[in-house]
Full PDB file with SEQRES, HELIX, SHEET, SSBOND, CRYST1, ORIGX, SCALE, CONECT and MASTER records, all heavy atoms in Angstrom:
SEQRES   1 A   35  ILE ARG SER LEU VAL GLN GLU CYS LEU PHE GLU LEU SER          
SEQRES   2 A   35  PRO TYR PRO ASP LEU ASN SER ASP TRP LYS PRO THR GLN          
SEQRES   3 A   35  THR ALA ILE SER THR PHE CYS LYS VAL                          
HELIX    1 AA1 ARG A    2  LEU A   12  1                                  11    
HELIX    2 AA2 THR A   31  LYS A   34  1                                   4    
CRYST1    1.000    1.000    1.000  90.00  90.00  90.00 P 1           1          
ORIGX1      1.000000  0.000000  0.000000        0.00000                         
ORIGX2      0.000000  1.000000  0.000000        0.00000                         
ORIGX3      0.000000  0.000000  1.000000        0.00000                         
SCALE1      1.000000  0.000000  0.000000        0.00000                         
SCALE2      0.000000  1.000000  0.000000        0.00000                         
SCALE3      0.000000  0.000000  1.000000        0.00000                         
ATOM      1  N   ILE A   1       6.759  -3.081   6.285  1.00  0.00           N  
ATOM      2  CA  ILE A   1       6.967  -4.181   5.342  1.00  0.00           C  
ATOM      3  C   ILE A   1       7.187  -5.488   6.087  1.00  0.00           C  
ATOM      4  O   ILE A   1       6.641  -6.535   5.718  1.00  0.00           O  
ATOM      5  CB  ILE A   1       8.164  -3.870   4.419  1.00  0.00           C  
ATOM      6  CG1 ILE A   1       7.870  -2.625   3.573  1.00  0.00           C  
ATOM      7  CG2 ILE A   1       8.464  -5.061   3.503  1.00  0.00           C  
ATOM      8  CD1 ILE A   1       9.080  -2.090   2.833  1.00  0.00           C  
ATOM      9  N   ARG A   2       7.974  -5.453   7.162  1.00  0.00           N  
ATOM     10  CA  ARG A   2       8.231  -6.661   7.949  1.00  0.00           C  
ATOM     11  C   ARG A   2       6.928  -7.231   8.520  1.00  0.00           C  
ATOM     12  O   ARG A   2       6.724  -8.447   8.542  1.00  0.00           O  
ATOM     13  CB  ARG A   2       9.214  -6.365   9.079  1.00  0.00           C  
ATOM     14  CG  ARG A   2      10.650  -6.167   8.626  1.00  0.00           C  
ATOM     15  CD  ARG A   2      11.526  -5.700   9.784  1.00  0.00           C  
ATOM     16  NE  ARG A   2      11.672  -6.719  10.796  1.00  0.00           N  
ATOM     17  CZ  ARG A   2      12.695  -7.574  10.870  1.00  0.00           C  
ATOM     18  NH1 ARG A   2      13.672  -7.517   9.984  1.00  0.00           N  
ATOM     19  NH2 ARG A   2      12.755  -8.470  11.827  1.00  0.00           N  
ATOM     20  N   SER A   3       6.033  -6.364   8.990  1.00  0.00           N  
ATOM     21  CA  SER A   3       4.763  -6.841   9.533  1.00  0.00           C  
ATOM     22  C   SER A   3       3.929  -7.521   8.457  1.00  0.00           C  
ATOM     23  O   SER A   3       3.316  -8.574   8.701  1.00  0.00           O  
ATOM     24  CB  SER A   3       3.976  -5.664  10.134  1.00  0.00           C  
ATOM     25  OG  SER A   3       4.621  -5.159  11.274  1.00  0.00           O  
ATOM     26  N   LEU A   4       3.901  -6.921   7.258  1.00  0.00           N  
ATOM     27  CA  LEU A   4       3.169  -7.528   6.148  1.00  0.00           C  
ATOM     28  C   LEU A   4       3.773  -8.884   5.785  1.00  0.00           C  
ATOM     29  O   LEU A   4       3.052  -9.863   5.560  1.00  0.00           O  
ATOM     30  CB  LEU A   4       3.191  -6.598   4.929  1.00  0.00           C  
ATOM     31  CG  LEU A   4       2.483  -5.249   5.071  1.00  0.00           C  
ATOM     32  CD1 LEU A   4       2.769  -4.379   3.849  1.00  0.00           C  
ATOM     33  CD2 LEU A   4       0.977  -5.447   5.225  1.00  0.00           C  
ATOM     34  N   VAL A   5       5.097  -8.943   5.728  1.00  0.00           N  
ATOM     35  CA  VAL A   5       5.783 -10.183   5.358  1.00  0.00           C  
ATOM     36  C   VAL A   5       5.557 -11.260   6.421  1.00  0.00           C  
ATOM     37  O   VAL A   5       5.356 -12.435   6.098  1.00  0.00           O  
ATOM     38  CB  VAL A   5       7.289  -9.935   5.146  1.00  0.00           C  
ATOM     39  CG1 VAL A   5       8.040 -11.245   4.947  1.00  0.00           C  
ATOM     40  CG2 VAL A   5       7.509  -9.022   3.944  1.00  0.00           C  
ATOM     41  N   GLN A   6       5.572 -10.879   7.694  1.00  0.00           N  
ATOM     42  CA  GLN A   6       5.384 -11.861   8.761  1.00  0.00           C  
ATOM     43  C   GLN A   6       3.995 -12.492   8.668  1.00  0.00           C  
ATOM     44  O   GLN A   6       3.841 -13.711   8.829  1.00  0.00           O  
ATOM     45  CB  GLN A   6       5.581 -11.208  10.125  1.00  0.00           C  
ATOM     46  CG  GLN A   6       5.483 -12.196  11.290  1.00  0.00           C  
ATOM     47  CD  GLN A   6       6.015 -11.615  12.587  1.00  0.00           C  
ATOM     48  OE1 GLN A   6       7.172 -11.252  12.692  1.00  0.00           O  
ATOM     49  NE2 GLN A   6       5.143 -11.509  13.577  1.00  0.00           N  
ATOM     50  N   GLU A   7       2.969 -11.676   8.413  1.00  0.00           N  
ATOM     51  CA  GLU A   7       1.631 -12.232   8.231  1.00  0.00           C  
ATOM     52  C   GLU A   7       1.588 -13.147   7.014  1.00  0.00           C  
ATOM     53  O   GLU A   7       0.972 -14.224   7.037  1.00  0.00           O  
ATOM     54  CB  GLU A   7       0.604 -11.103   8.084  1.00  0.00           C  
ATOM     55  CG  GLU A   7       0.276 -10.393   9.377  1.00  0.00           C  
ATOM     56  CD  GLU A   7      -0.954  -9.500   9.261  1.00  0.00           C  
ATOM     57  OE1 GLU A   7      -1.715  -9.667   8.274  1.00  0.00           O  
ATOM     58  OE2 GLU A   7      -1.159  -8.639  10.134  1.00  0.00           O  
ATOM     59  N   CYS A   8       2.233 -12.713   5.937  1.00  0.00           N  
ATOM     60  CA  CYS A   8       2.276 -13.500   4.706  1.00  0.00           C  
ATOM     61  C   CYS A   8       2.888 -14.870   4.968  1.00  0.00           C  
ATOM     62  O   CYS A   8       2.302 -15.913   4.630  1.00  0.00           O  
ATOM     63  CB  CYS A   8       3.065 -12.749   3.633  1.00  0.00           C  
ATOM     64  SG  CYS A   8       3.534 -13.736   2.199  1.00  0.00           S  
ATOM     65  N   LEU A   9       4.070 -14.905   5.577  1.00  0.00           N  
ATOM     66  CA  LEU A   9       4.773 -16.160   5.804  1.00  0.00           C  
ATOM     67  C   LEU A   9       4.039 -17.044   6.818  1.00  0.00           C  
ATOM     68  O   LEU A   9       4.047 -18.267   6.712  1.00  0.00           O  
ATOM     69  CB  LEU A   9       6.202 -15.892   6.265  1.00  0.00           C  
ATOM     70  CG  LEU A   9       7.089 -15.162   5.246  1.00  0.00           C  
ATOM     71  CD1 LEU A   9       8.492 -14.939   5.815  1.00  0.00           C  
ATOM     72  CD2 LEU A   9       7.168 -15.935   3.934  1.00  0.00           C  
ATOM     73  N   PHE A  10       3.402 -16.413   7.797  1.00  0.00           N  
ATOM     74  CA  PHE A  10       2.613 -17.180   8.770  1.00  0.00           C  
ATOM     75  C   PHE A  10       1.469 -17.903   8.063  1.00  0.00           C  
ATOM     76  O   PHE A  10       1.207 -19.091   8.309  1.00  0.00           O  
ATOM     77  CB  PHE A  10       2.064 -16.255   9.849  1.00  0.00           C  
ATOM     78  CG  PHE A  10       1.150 -16.943  10.838  1.00  0.00           C  
ATOM     79  CD1 PHE A  10       1.674 -17.608  11.935  1.00  0.00           C  
ATOM     80  CD2 PHE A  10      -0.225 -16.929  10.651  1.00  0.00           C  
ATOM     81  CE1 PHE A  10       0.836 -18.256  12.843  1.00  0.00           C  
ATOM     82  CE2 PHE A  10      -1.067 -17.581  11.553  1.00  0.00           C  
ATOM     83  CZ  PHE A  10      -0.542 -18.240  12.649  1.00  0.00           C  
ATOM     84  N   GLU A  11       0.780 -17.201   7.160  1.00  0.00           N  
ATOM     85  CA  GLU A  11      -0.372 -17.795   6.486  1.00  0.00           C  
ATOM     86  C   GLU A  11       0.038 -18.796   5.415  1.00  0.00           C  
ATOM     87  O   GLU A  11      -0.716 -19.714   5.084  1.00  0.00           O  
ATOM     88  CB  GLU A  11      -1.255 -16.694   5.897  1.00  0.00           C  
ATOM     89  CG  GLU A  11      -1.920 -15.853   6.969  1.00  0.00           C  
ATOM     90  CD  GLU A  11      -2.960 -14.892   6.417  1.00  0.00           C  
ATOM     91  OE1 GLU A  11      -3.440 -15.104   5.279  1.00  0.00           O  
ATOM     92  OE2 GLU A  11      -3.295 -13.913   7.111  1.00  0.00           O  
ATOM     93  N   LEU A  12       1.242 -18.627   4.858  1.00  0.00           N  
ATOM     94  CA  LEU A  12       1.713 -19.556   3.833  1.00  0.00           C  
ATOM     95  C   LEU A  12       2.385 -20.807   4.414  1.00  0.00           C  
ATOM     96  O   LEU A  12       2.453 -21.842   3.747  1.00  0.00           O  
ATOM     97  CB  LEU A  12       2.710 -18.861   2.903  1.00  0.00           C  
ATOM     98  CG  LEU A  12       2.142 -17.867   1.883  1.00  0.00           C  
ATOM     99  CD1 LEU A  12       3.271 -17.202   1.123  1.00  0.00           C  
ATOM    100  CD2 LEU A  12       1.197 -18.563   0.912  1.00  0.00           C  
ATOM    101  N   SER A  13       2.870 -20.708   5.654  1.00  0.00           N  
ATOM    102  CA  SER A  13       3.698 -21.785   6.206  1.00  0.00           C  
ATOM    103  C   SER A  13       3.014 -23.148   6.293  1.00  0.00           C  
ATOM    104  O   SER A  13       3.704 -24.166   6.219  1.00  0.00           O  
ATOM    105  CB  SER A  13       4.248 -21.381   7.586  1.00  0.00           C  
ATOM    106  OG  SER A  13       3.205 -21.020   8.471  1.00  0.00           O  
ATOM    107  N   PRO A  14       1.673 -23.258   6.430  1.00  0.00           N  
ATOM    108  CA  PRO A  14       1.085 -24.599   6.471  1.00  0.00           C  
ATOM    109  C   PRO A  14       1.052 -25.303   5.113  1.00  0.00           C  
ATOM    110  O   PRO A  14       0.766 -26.496   5.048  1.00  0.00           O  
ATOM    111  CB  PRO A  14      -0.356 -24.348   6.959  1.00  0.00           C  
ATOM    112  CG  PRO A  14      -0.346 -22.985   7.548  1.00  0.00           C  
ATOM    113  CD  PRO A  14       0.674 -22.232   6.766  1.00  0.00           C  
ATOM    114  N   TYR A  15       1.345 -24.564   4.035  1.00  0.00           N  
ATOM    115  CA  TYR A  15       1.195 -25.129   2.696  1.00  0.00           C  
ATOM    116  C   TYR A  15       2.551 -25.513   2.086  1.00  0.00           C  
ATOM    117  O   TYR A  15       3.345 -24.643   1.741  1.00  0.00           O  
ATOM    118  CB  TYR A  15       0.506 -24.123   1.772  1.00  0.00           C  
ATOM    119  CG  TYR A  15      -0.836 -23.639   2.277  1.00  0.00           C  
ATOM    120  CD1 TYR A  15      -1.036 -22.293   2.571  1.00  0.00           C  
ATOM    121  CD2 TYR A  15      -1.884 -24.528   2.467  1.00  0.00           C  
ATOM    122  CE1 TYR A  15      -2.268 -21.842   3.037  1.00  0.00           C  
ATOM    123  CE2 TYR A  15      -3.114 -24.084   2.931  1.00  0.00           C  
ATOM    124  CZ  TYR A  15      -3.300 -22.744   3.217  1.00  0.00           C  
ATOM    125  OH  TYR A  15      -4.506 -22.309   3.678  1.00  0.00           O  
ATOM    126  N   PRO A  16       2.821 -26.811   1.919  1.00  0.00           N  
ATOM    127  CA  PRO A  16       4.081 -27.241   1.300  1.00  0.00           C  
ATOM    128  C   PRO A  16       3.997 -27.344  -0.219  1.00  0.00           C  
ATOM    129  O   PRO A  16       4.993 -27.607  -0.884  1.00  0.00           O  
ATOM    130  CB  PRO A  16       4.307 -28.630   1.920  1.00  0.00           C  
ATOM    131  CG  PRO A  16       2.916 -29.154   2.124  1.00  0.00           C  
ATOM    132  CD  PRO A  16       2.051 -27.958   2.438  1.00  0.00           C  
ATOM    133  N   ASP A  17       2.782 -27.134  -0.775  1.00  0.00           N  
ATOM    134  CA  ASP A  17       2.556 -27.408  -2.194  1.00  0.00           C  
ATOM    135  C   ASP A  17       2.318 -26.139  -3.002  1.00  0.00           C  
ATOM    136  O   ASP A  17       1.483 -26.099  -3.901  1.00  0.00           O  
ATOM    137  CB  ASP A  17       1.353 -28.339  -2.352  1.00  0.00           C  
ATOM    138  CG  ASP A  17       0.078 -27.760  -1.719  1.00  0.00           C  
ATOM    139  OD1 ASP A  17       0.198 -26.851  -0.871  1.00  0.00           O  
ATOM    140  OD2 ASP A  17      -1.020 -28.218  -2.071  1.00  0.00           O  
ATOM    141  N   LEU A  18       3.056 -25.078  -2.706  1.00  0.00           N  
ATOM    142  CA  LEU A  18       2.853 -23.812  -3.400  1.00  0.00           C  
ATOM    143  C   LEU A  18       3.448 -23.855  -4.802  1.00  0.00           C  
ATOM    144  O   LEU A  18       4.578 -24.293  -4.998  1.00  0.00           O  
ATOM    145  CB  LEU A  18       3.490 -22.670  -2.600  1.00  0.00           C  
ATOM    146  CG  LEU A  18       2.898 -22.395  -1.216  1.00  0.00           C  
ATOM    147  CD1 LEU A  18       3.798 -21.441  -0.446  1.00  0.00           C  
ATOM    148  CD2 LEU A  18       1.486 -21.840  -1.328  1.00  0.00           C  
ATOM    149  N   ASN A  19       2.675 -23.380  -5.774  1.00  0.00           N  
ATOM    150  CA  ASN A  19       3.176 -23.200  -7.132  1.00  0.00           C  
ATOM    151  C   ASN A  19       3.646 -21.768  -7.291  1.00  0.00           C  
ATOM    152  O   ASN A  19       3.066 -20.844  -6.709  1.00  0.00           O  
ATOM    153  CB  ASN A  19       2.081 -23.512  -8.149  1.00  0.00           C  
ATOM    154  CG  ASN A  19       1.624 -24.956  -8.071  1.00  0.00           C  
ATOM    155  OD1 ASN A  19       2.447 -25.864  -8.018  1.00  0.00           O  
ATOM    156  ND2 ASN A  19       0.317 -25.174  -8.042  1.00  0.00           N  
ATOM    157  N   SER A  20       4.696 -21.559  -8.081  1.00  0.00           N  
ATOM    158  CA  SER A  20       5.233 -20.210  -8.257  1.00  0.00           C  
ATOM    159  C   SER A  20       5.220 -19.812  -9.734  1.00  0.00           C  
ATOM    160  O   SER A  20       5.349 -20.653 -10.626  1.00  0.00           O  
ATOM    161  CB  SER A  20       6.662 -20.119  -7.720  1.00  0.00           C  
ATOM    162  OG  SER A  20       7.520 -20.968  -8.449  1.00  0.00           O  
ATOM    163  N   ASP A  21       5.056 -18.513  -9.956  1.00  0.00           N  
ATOM    164  CA  ASP A  21       5.074 -17.972 -11.312  1.00  0.00           C  
ATOM    165  C   ASP A  21       5.736 -16.600 -11.258  1.00  0.00           C  
ATOM    166  O   ASP A  21       5.366 -15.766 -10.429  1.00  0.00           O  
ATOM    167  CB  ASP A  21       3.644 -17.864 -11.856  1.00  0.00           C  
ATOM    168  CG  ASP A  21       3.616 -17.396 -13.313  1.00  0.00           C  
ATOM    169  OD1 ASP A  21       4.612 -17.643 -14.028  1.00  0.00           O  
ATOM    170  OD2 ASP A  21       2.609 -16.785 -13.723  1.00  0.00           O  
ATOM    171  N   TRP A  22       6.727 -16.361 -12.106  1.00  0.00           N  
ATOM    172  CA  TRP A  22       7.469 -15.106 -12.118  1.00  0.00           C  
ATOM    173  C   TRP A  22       7.003 -14.225 -13.276  1.00  0.00           C  
ATOM    174  O   TRP A  22       6.936 -14.672 -14.420  1.00  0.00           O  
ATOM    175  CB  TRP A  22       8.970 -15.375 -12.233  1.00  0.00           C  
ATOM    176  CG  TRP A  22       9.794 -14.136 -12.467  1.00  0.00           C  
ATOM    177  CD1 TRP A  22      10.359 -13.721 -13.643  1.00  0.00           C  
ATOM    178  CD2 TRP A  22      10.118 -13.136 -11.498  1.00  0.00           C  
ATOM    179  NE1 TRP A  22      11.016 -12.536 -13.463  1.00  0.00           N  
ATOM    180  CE2 TRP A  22      10.890 -12.146 -12.154  1.00  0.00           C  
ATOM    181  CE3 TRP A  22       9.837 -12.982 -10.141  1.00  0.00           C  
ATOM    182  CZ2 TRP A  22      11.374 -11.029 -11.498  1.00  0.00           C  
ATOM    183  CZ3 TRP A  22      10.327 -11.858  -9.490  1.00  0.00           C  
ATOM    184  CH2 TRP A  22      11.088 -10.897 -10.156  1.00  0.00           C  
ATOM    185  N   LYS A  23       6.672 -12.961 -12.949  1.00  0.00           N  
ATOM    186  CA  LYS A  23       6.254 -12.006 -13.979  1.00  0.00           C  
ATOM    187  C   LYS A  23       7.140 -10.762 -13.885  1.00  0.00           C  
ATOM    188  O   LYS A  23       6.982  -9.965 -12.946  1.00  0.00           O  
ATOM    189  CB  LYS A  23       4.788 -11.617 -13.794  1.00  0.00           C  
ATOM    190  CG  LYS A  23       3.813 -12.748 -14.065  1.00  0.00           C  
ATOM    191  CD  LYS A  23       2.370 -12.267 -13.965  1.00  0.00           C  
ATOM    192  CE  LYS A  23       1.397 -13.386 -14.291  1.00  0.00           C  
ATOM    193  NZ  LYS A  23      -0.018 -12.923 -14.195  1.00  0.00           N  
ATOM    194  N   PRO A  24       8.075 -10.578 -14.809  1.00  0.00           N  
ATOM    195  CA  PRO A  24       8.914  -9.367 -14.780  1.00  0.00           C  
ATOM    196  C   PRO A  24       8.096  -8.134 -15.099  1.00  0.00           C  
ATOM    197  O   PRO A  24       7.104  -8.193 -15.830  1.00  0.00           O  
ATOM    198  CB  PRO A  24       9.959  -9.644 -15.871  1.00  0.00           C  
ATOM    199  CG  PRO A  24       9.308 -10.624 -16.774  1.00  0.00           C  
ATOM    200  CD  PRO A  24       8.400 -11.464 -15.937  1.00  0.00           C  
ATOM    201  N   THR A  25       8.475  -7.003 -14.497  1.00  0.00           N  
ATOM    202  CA  THR A  25       7.791  -5.737 -14.758  1.00  0.00           C  
ATOM    203  C   THR A  25       8.814  -4.668 -15.096  1.00  0.00           C  
ATOM    204  O   THR A  25       9.978  -4.748 -14.705  1.00  0.00           O  
ATOM    205  CB  THR A  25       6.969  -5.279 -13.533  1.00  0.00           C  
ATOM    206  OG1 THR A  25       7.858  -5.055 -12.435  1.00  0.00           O  
ATOM    207  CG2 THR A  25       5.933  -6.323 -13.137  1.00  0.00           C  
ATOM    208  N   GLN A  26       8.340  -3.659 -15.808  1.00  0.00           N  
ATOM    209  CA  GLN A  26       9.200  -2.531 -16.189  1.00  0.00           C  
ATOM    210  C   GLN A  26       8.843  -1.277 -15.405  1.00  0.00           C  
ATOM    211  O   GLN A  26       9.292  -0.187 -15.744  1.00  0.00           O  
ATOM    212  CB  GLN A  26       9.051  -2.263 -17.698  1.00  0.00           C  
ATOM    213  CG  GLN A  26       9.419  -3.452 -18.573  1.00  0.00           C  
ATOM    214  CD  GLN A  26      10.863  -3.888 -18.380  1.00  0.00           C  
ATOM    215  OE1 GLN A  26      11.756  -3.054 -18.225  1.00  0.00           O  
ATOM    216  NE2 GLN A  26      11.088  -5.195 -18.386  1.00  0.00           N  
ATOM    217  N   THR A  27       8.025  -1.430 -14.372  1.00  0.00           N  
ATOM    218  CA  THR A  27       7.589  -0.269 -13.590  1.00  0.00           C  
ATOM    219  C   THR A  27       8.775   0.386 -12.893  1.00  0.00           C  
ATOM    220  O   THR A  27       9.607  -0.287 -12.281  1.00  0.00           O  
ATOM    221  CB  THR A  27       6.563  -0.705 -12.522  1.00  0.00           C  
ATOM    222  OG1 THR A  27       5.496  -1.392 -13.167  1.00  0.00           O  
ATOM    223  CG2 THR A  27       6.023   0.503 -11.769  1.00  0.00           C  
ATOM    224  N   ALA A  28       8.852   1.706 -13.001  1.00  0.00           N  
ATOM    225  CA  ALA A  28       9.931   2.442 -12.341  1.00  0.00           C  
ATOM    226  C   ALA A  28       9.727   2.404 -10.828  1.00  0.00           C  
ATOM    227  O   ALA A  28       8.620   2.639 -10.333  1.00  0.00           O  
ATOM    228  CB  ALA A  28       9.958   3.883 -12.835  1.00  0.00           C  
ATOM    229  N   ILE A  29      10.776   2.094 -10.098  1.00  0.00           N  
ATOM    230  CA  ILE A  29      10.721   2.020  -8.634  1.00  0.00           C  
ATOM    231  C   ILE A  29      11.569   3.142  -8.052  1.00  0.00           C  
ATOM    232  O   ILE A  29      12.698   3.372  -8.474  1.00  0.00           O  
ATOM    233  CB  ILE A  29      11.248   0.663  -8.131  1.00  0.00           C  
ATOM    234  CG1 ILE A  29      10.465  -0.485  -8.764  1.00  0.00           C  
ATOM    235  CG2 ILE A  29      11.168   0.582  -6.617  1.00  0.00           C  
ATOM    236  CD1 ILE A  29       9.020  -0.543  -8.386  1.00  0.00           C  
ATOM    237  N   SER A  30      11.006   3.869  -7.090  1.00  0.00           N  
ATOM    238  CA  SER A  30      11.717   4.995  -6.499  1.00  0.00           C  
ATOM    239  C   SER A  30      12.931   4.526  -5.704  1.00  0.00           C  
ATOM    240  O   SER A  30      13.011   3.369  -5.270  1.00  0.00           O  
ATOM    241  CB  SER A  30      10.785   5.784  -5.581  1.00  0.00           C  
ATOM    242  OG  SER A  30      10.524   5.046  -4.399  1.00  0.00           O  
ATOM    243  N   THR A  31      13.859   5.447  -5.502  1.00  0.00           N  
ATOM    244  CA  THR A  31      15.051   5.137  -4.696  1.00  0.00           C  
ATOM    245  C   THR A  31      14.660   4.775  -3.272  1.00  0.00           C  
ATOM    246  O   THR A  31      15.248   3.877  -2.666  1.00  0.00           O  
ATOM    247  CB  THR A  31      16.000   6.343  -4.680  1.00  0.00           C  
ATOM    248  OG1 THR A  31      16.370   6.655  -6.017  1.00  0.00           O  
ATOM    249  CG2 THR A  31      17.253   6.038  -3.874  1.00  0.00           C  
ATOM    250  N   PHE A  32      13.652   5.469  -2.725  1.00  0.00           N  
ATOM    251  CA  PHE A  32      13.190   5.167  -1.371  1.00  0.00           C  
ATOM    252  C   PHE A  32      12.782   3.698  -1.249  1.00  0.00           C  
ATOM    253  O   PHE A  32      13.171   3.004  -0.314  1.00  0.00           O  
ATOM    254  CB  PHE A  32      11.995   6.056  -1.003  1.00  0.00           C  
ATOM    255  CG  PHE A  32      12.376   7.444  -0.574  1.00  0.00           C  
ATOM    256  CD1 PHE A  32      11.704   8.542  -1.082  1.00  0.00           C  
ATOM    257  CD2 PHE A  32      13.389   7.655   0.343  1.00  0.00           C  
ATOM    258  CE1 PHE A  32      12.050   9.823  -0.683  1.00  0.00           C  
ATOM    259  CE2 PHE A  32      13.739   8.933   0.752  1.00  0.00           C  
ATOM    260  CZ  PHE A  32      13.061  10.021   0.231  1.00  0.00           C  
ATOM    261  N   CYS A  33      11.980   3.230  -2.198  1.00  0.00           N  
ATOM    262  CA  CYS A  33      11.483   1.865  -2.138  1.00  0.00           C  
ATOM    263  C   CYS A  33      12.625   0.855  -2.281  1.00  0.00           C  
ATOM    264  O   CYS A  33      12.606  -0.199  -1.652  1.00  0.00           O  
ATOM    265  CB  CYS A  33      10.428   1.632  -3.222  1.00  0.00           C  
ATOM    266  SG  CYS A  33       8.856   2.467  -2.872  1.00  0.00           S  
ATOM    267  N   LYS A  34      13.610   1.198  -3.085  1.00  0.00           N  
ATOM    268  CA  LYS A  34      14.752   0.299  -3.245  1.00  0.00           C  
ATOM    269  C   LYS A  34      15.523   0.162  -1.927  1.00  0.00           C  
ATOM    270  O   LYS A  34      16.046  -0.903  -1.604  1.00  0.00           O  
ATOM    271  CB  LYS A  34      15.683   0.821  -4.345  1.00  0.00           C  
ATOM    272  CG  LYS A  34      15.081   0.744  -5.749  1.00  0.00           C  
ATOM    273  CD  LYS A  34      16.015   1.364  -6.772  1.00  0.00           C  
ATOM    274  CE  LYS A  34      15.403   1.339  -8.176  1.00  0.00           C  
ATOM    275  NZ  LYS A  34      16.267   2.008  -9.175  1.00  0.00           N  
ATOM    276  N   VAL A  35      15.578   1.246  -1.169  1.00  0.00           N  
ATOM    277  CA  VAL A  35      16.336   1.244   0.085  1.00  0.00           C  
ATOM    278  C   VAL A  35      15.656   0.384   1.153  1.00  0.00           C  
ATOM    279  O   VAL A  35      16.316  -0.334   1.902  1.00  0.00           O  
ATOM    280  CB  VAL A  35      16.533   2.680   0.598  1.00  0.00           C  
ATOM    281  CG1 VAL A  35      17.076   2.683   2.022  1.00  0.00           C  
ATOM    282  CG2 VAL A  35      17.480   3.440  -0.320  1.00  0.00           C  
TER     283      VAL A  35                                                      
MASTER        0    0    0    2    0    0    0    6  282    1    0    3          
END                                                                             
């Protein structure tokens, strides 16, 4: 997950004009994933 996030933040860092949109979900998440 850290490797994926590092690539994500590296590619996003040049852009100061990001728009955000929040979409709540009801999908069940396993205990493993929460940890």
